[in-house]
Protein backbone atom coordinates (compact mmCIF):
# COMPACT_ATOMS: atom_id res chain seq x y z
CA MET A 1 -2.76 12.82 14.79
CA PRO A 2 -2.05 11.01 11.61
CA GLU A 3 1.55 11.14 10.42
CA LEU A 4 2.90 10.88 6.99
CA PRO A 5 3.23 6.89 7.63
CA GLU A 6 -0.77 6.32 8.37
CA VAL A 7 -1.62 8.79 5.88
CA GLU A 8 0.37 7.09 3.15
CA THR A 9 -1.03 3.83 4.34
CA ILE A 10 -4.96 5.71 3.76
CA VAL A 11 -3.79 6.64 0.85
CA ARG A 12 -2.81 3.18 -0.93
CA GLY A 13 -5.60 1.59 0.46
CA LEU A 14 -7.99 4.08 -1.10
CA ARG A 15 -6.54 3.80 -4.59
CA ASN A 16 -8.14 0.02 -4.91
CA HIS A 17 -11.75 1.44 -3.61
CA LEU A 18 -11.76 5.28 -5.01
CA ILE A 19 -9.65 4.75 -8.40
CA GLY A 20 -12.12 4.28 -11.78
CA PHE A 21 -14.79 4.55 -9.87
CA THR A 22 -17.66 7.78 -10.41
CA ILE A 23 -18.78 9.82 -7.32
CA ASN A 24 -22.56 9.57 -7.77
CA SER A 25 -22.80 12.08 -4.50
CA ILE A 26 -21.62 13.80 -1.96
CA ASP A 27 -23.60 13.97 1.34
CA LEU A 28 -22.36 16.95 3.68
CA GLN A 29 -23.61 16.27 7.47
CA ARG A 30 -22.29 19.99 8.68
CA LYS A 31 -21.02 23.20 7.16
CA ASP A 32 -17.77 23.05 8.61
CA LEU A 33 -15.18 21.46 10.11
CA ARG A 34 -12.06 23.36 11.11
CA PHE A 35 -13.05 25.63 8.33
CA PRO A 36 -16.09 26.43 6.14
CA ILE A 37 -16.71 22.74 3.76
CA PRO A 38 -17.08 24.83 0.41
CA LYS A 39 -20.68 24.70 -0.56
CA SER A 40 -19.80 23.30 -4.53
CA LEU A 41 -18.08 20.18 -3.01
CA ASN A 42 -20.89 18.14 -4.14
CA LYS A 43 -22.57 19.75 -7.55
CA SER A 44 -18.93 20.25 -8.78
CA LEU A 45 -17.85 16.71 -8.15
CA ASN A 46 -20.81 14.32 -8.86
CA GLY A 47 -20.54 12.37 -11.91
CA LYS A 48 -16.62 12.37 -12.24
CA LYS A 49 -14.49 9.56 -12.32
CA ILE A 50 -11.75 9.64 -9.83
CA THR A 51 -8.32 9.02 -11.64
CA ASN A 52 -5.90 9.40 -9.08
CA ILE A 53 -5.27 9.59 -5.05
CA LEU A 54 -1.44 11.17 -3.76
CA ARG A 55 -0.23 12.12 -0.44
CA ARG A 56 1.42 15.53 0.05
CA GLY A 57 2.83 15.67 3.65
CA LYS A 58 -0.64 14.74 5.62
CA TYR A 59 -2.58 15.92 2.93
CA ILE A 60 -4.79 13.43 0.73
CA ILE A 61 -5.37 14.63 -2.53
CA ILE A 62 -8.17 13.40 -4.89
CA ASN A 63 -7.80 14.16 -8.47
CA ASN A 64 -10.72 13.40 -10.99
CA GLU A 65 -11.25 12.99 -14.53
CA ALA A 66 -12.23 16.92 -14.70
CA LYS A 67 -9.03 17.82 -13.33
CA GLN A 68 -10.51 18.74 -10.41
CA THR A 69 -8.66 18.17 -6.91
CA ILE A 70 -10.47 17.40 -3.40
CA LEU A 71 -7.66 18.23 -0.38
CA LEU A 72 -8.39 16.27 3.03
CA HIS A 73 -6.57 16.52 6.22
CA LEU A 74 -7.51 14.28 8.70
CA GLY A 75 -6.68 16.74 11.85
CA MET A 76 -6.19 15.33 15.09
CA SER A 77 -9.00 12.43 14.96
CA GLY A 78 -10.22 12.06 11.31
CA ARG A 79 -10.79 8.53 10.38
CA ILE A 80 -11.51 7.41 6.60
CA LYS A 81 -14.18 4.45 6.33
CA ILE A 82 -15.37 2.51 3.69
CA ARG A 83 -18.42 0.51 3.61
CA PRO A 84 -21.54 -0.30 1.69
CA THR A 85 -23.79 2.55 0.01
CA ASN A 86 -26.66 3.75 2.19
CA SER A 87 -25.32 2.20 5.44
CA LYS A 88 -26.63 3.24 8.64
CA LYS A 89 -24.86 6.64 9.79
CA VAL A 90 -22.83 7.09 12.76
CA LYS A 91 -22.06 10.37 14.95
CA HIS A 92 -19.78 12.70 13.50
CA ASP A 93 -19.93 11.06 10.22
CA HIS A 94 -19.56 14.75 8.21
CA ILE A 95 -19.05 13.86 5.05
CA ILE A 96 -20.09 10.86 2.95
CA ILE A 97 -18.90 10.12 -1.20
CA LYS A 98 -21.12 7.57 -2.88
CA LEU A 99 -19.37 6.01 -5.76
CA ASN A 100 -21.15 3.89 -8.60
CA SER A 101 -19.42 0.69 -6.97
CA ASN A 102 -22.04 0.86 -4.52
CA LYS A 103 -19.51 1.80 -2.08
CA GLU A 104 -19.53 4.70 0.33
CA ILE A 105 -16.08 6.79 1.33
CA VAL A 106 -16.76 8.35 5.03
CA PHE A 107 -14.83 11.23 6.62
CA ASN A 108 -15.61 10.61 10.69
CA ASP A 109 -14.32 13.37 12.78
CA SER A 110 -14.76 13.84 16.55
CA ARG A 111 -12.96 16.52 17.20
CA ARG A 112 -13.61 18.72 13.92
CA PHE A 113 -10.31 19.55 13.38
CA GLY A 114 -9.98 17.99 9.86
CA MET A 115 -10.05 20.02 6.60
CA VAL A 116 -11.47 19.87 3.17
CA ASP A 117 -10.94 22.03 0.22
CA TYR A 118 -12.09 21.69 -3.36
CA ILE A 119 -10.02 23.12 -6.18
CA ASN A 120 -11.15 23.45 -10.09
CA LYS A 121 -7.83 22.24 -11.30
CA THR A 122 -5.46 19.31 -10.45
CA ASP A 123 -2.12 21.55 -9.73
CA TYR A 124 -2.70 21.32 -5.75
CA LYS A 125 1.36 22.87 -5.47
CA SER A 126 -0.16 26.46 -5.26
CA HIS A 127 -2.53 26.24 -2.87
CA LYS A 128 -2.42 27.68 0.56
CA TRP A 129 -2.05 24.12 2.81
CA ILE A 130 0.54 23.13 0.43
CA LYS A 131 2.74 25.55 -0.85
CA PHE A 132 4.98 26.30 1.86
CA LEU A 133 5.61 22.53 2.94
CA GLY A 134 9.12 21.67 2.89
CA PRO A 135 10.73 18.67 1.17
CA GLU A 136 9.05 14.99 1.98
CA PRO A 137 11.54 12.75 4.21
CA LEU A 138 12.58 10.47 1.18
CA ASP A 139 12.87 13.29 -1.14
CA ASN A 140 16.57 13.67 -2.85
CA ILE A 141 16.57 17.15 -1.52
CA PHE A 142 16.04 16.10 2.15
CA SER A 143 19.99 16.03 2.36
CA SER A 144 22.45 16.22 5.02
CA ASN A 145 23.42 19.02 3.47
CA TYR A 146 19.98 20.91 3.36
CA ILE A 147 19.33 19.69 7.28
CA THR A 148 22.73 21.43 7.92
CA ASN A 149 21.88 24.27 6.04
CA TYR A 150 18.76 24.36 7.64
CA LEU A 151 19.38 23.88 11.43
CA SER A 152 22.57 25.91 11.28
CA SER A 153 20.51 29.41 11.68
CA ARG A 154 17.96 28.15 13.86
CA ASN A 155 17.54 28.79 17.59
CA SER A 156 14.63 27.24 18.62
CA PRO A 157 14.38 23.58 20.44
CA ILE A 158 15.30 20.78 17.64
CA LYS A 159 11.99 19.09 18.42
CA ASN A 160 9.96 22.52 17.76
CA VAL A 161 12.12 22.46 14.29
CA LEU A 162 11.19 18.89 13.43
CA LEU A 163 7.62 19.71 13.68
CA ASN A 164 7.68 22.90 11.42
CA GLN A 165 6.23 21.71 8.21
CA LYS A 166 8.30 23.89 6.46
CA PHE A 167 11.41 21.97 7.46
CA VAL A 168 9.84 18.78 6.44
CA ALA A 169 6.25 17.45 5.43
CA GLY A 170 4.65 14.97 6.97
CA LEU A 171 6.61 14.67 10.65
CA GLY A 172 4.64 15.17 13.63
CA ASN A 173 4.46 15.03 17.53
CA ILE A 174 4.93 10.74 18.09
CA TYR A 175 7.60 10.40 14.62
CA ALA A 176 9.39 13.40 16.04
CA CYS A 177 9.75 12.21 19.91
CA GLU A 178 10.64 8.85 18.45
CA ALA A 179 13.39 9.77 16.23
CA LEU A 180 15.17 12.06 18.96
CA PHE A 181 15.04 9.20 21.76
CA LEU A 182 16.56 6.95 18.92
CA ALA A 183 19.26 9.52 18.30
CA GLY A 184 19.77 10.23 21.69
CA ILE A 185 19.35 14.00 21.54
CA SER A 186 17.16 15.92 23.83
CA PRO A 187 14.09 17.57 22.21
CA ASN A 188 15.13 20.77 23.94
CA ARG A 189 18.78 20.78 22.59
CA ILE A 190 19.22 23.93 20.37
CA ALA A 191 18.64 23.12 16.83
CA LYS A 192 22.07 24.87 15.40
CA THR A 193 24.23 23.07 18.09
CA ILE A 194 23.34 19.79 16.17
CA LYS A 195 26.19 18.29 13.84
CA VAL A 196 24.38 16.10 10.82
CA VAL A 197 26.34 12.83 9.97
CA GLY A 198 27.00 12.54 6.35
CA GLN A 199 27.42 16.31 5.55
CA LYS A 200 29.24 17.07 2.37
CA ASN A 201 31.97 19.26 2.58
């Protein structure tokens, strides 16, 4: 599953191909992924210029000039492809966004664990997928004090806590395993037994 660094790389790459361009059409090849794809996605976004692309945790957030938002999660096997408009479709091309730049952005997902939703506003923070996410790893709030306070009452293994998106947004299995290995901490160690270096008294 793509984790925070991979999703951030995708978002930065997409900015050059999406921001400032207009959606000519959205071609939906199926009705659902992990959840149903909103039926209004195509008609609501046609003719709208894309103004910004953001990331929150593992989610890709695309805003347009009409103050509308597309939320996209890549799931286990989701990929974003950029190619010339009307290129030959391949298996698992589920969503095709055609732009006025003669390019199309394709969401391909073999396992169909990805998610897409449409919000008729740019305030995505209250969305059900977003509102319970914890801080970003590089946010100031994600400090030694925050970590200590969070872990102090957790009887779960530390790896389980790291994978909980309410604790920190964007972390997945690969980076949790690597971080614990580098820190010399067993993934089965109970979270509240871990002392956080750098805690302020």
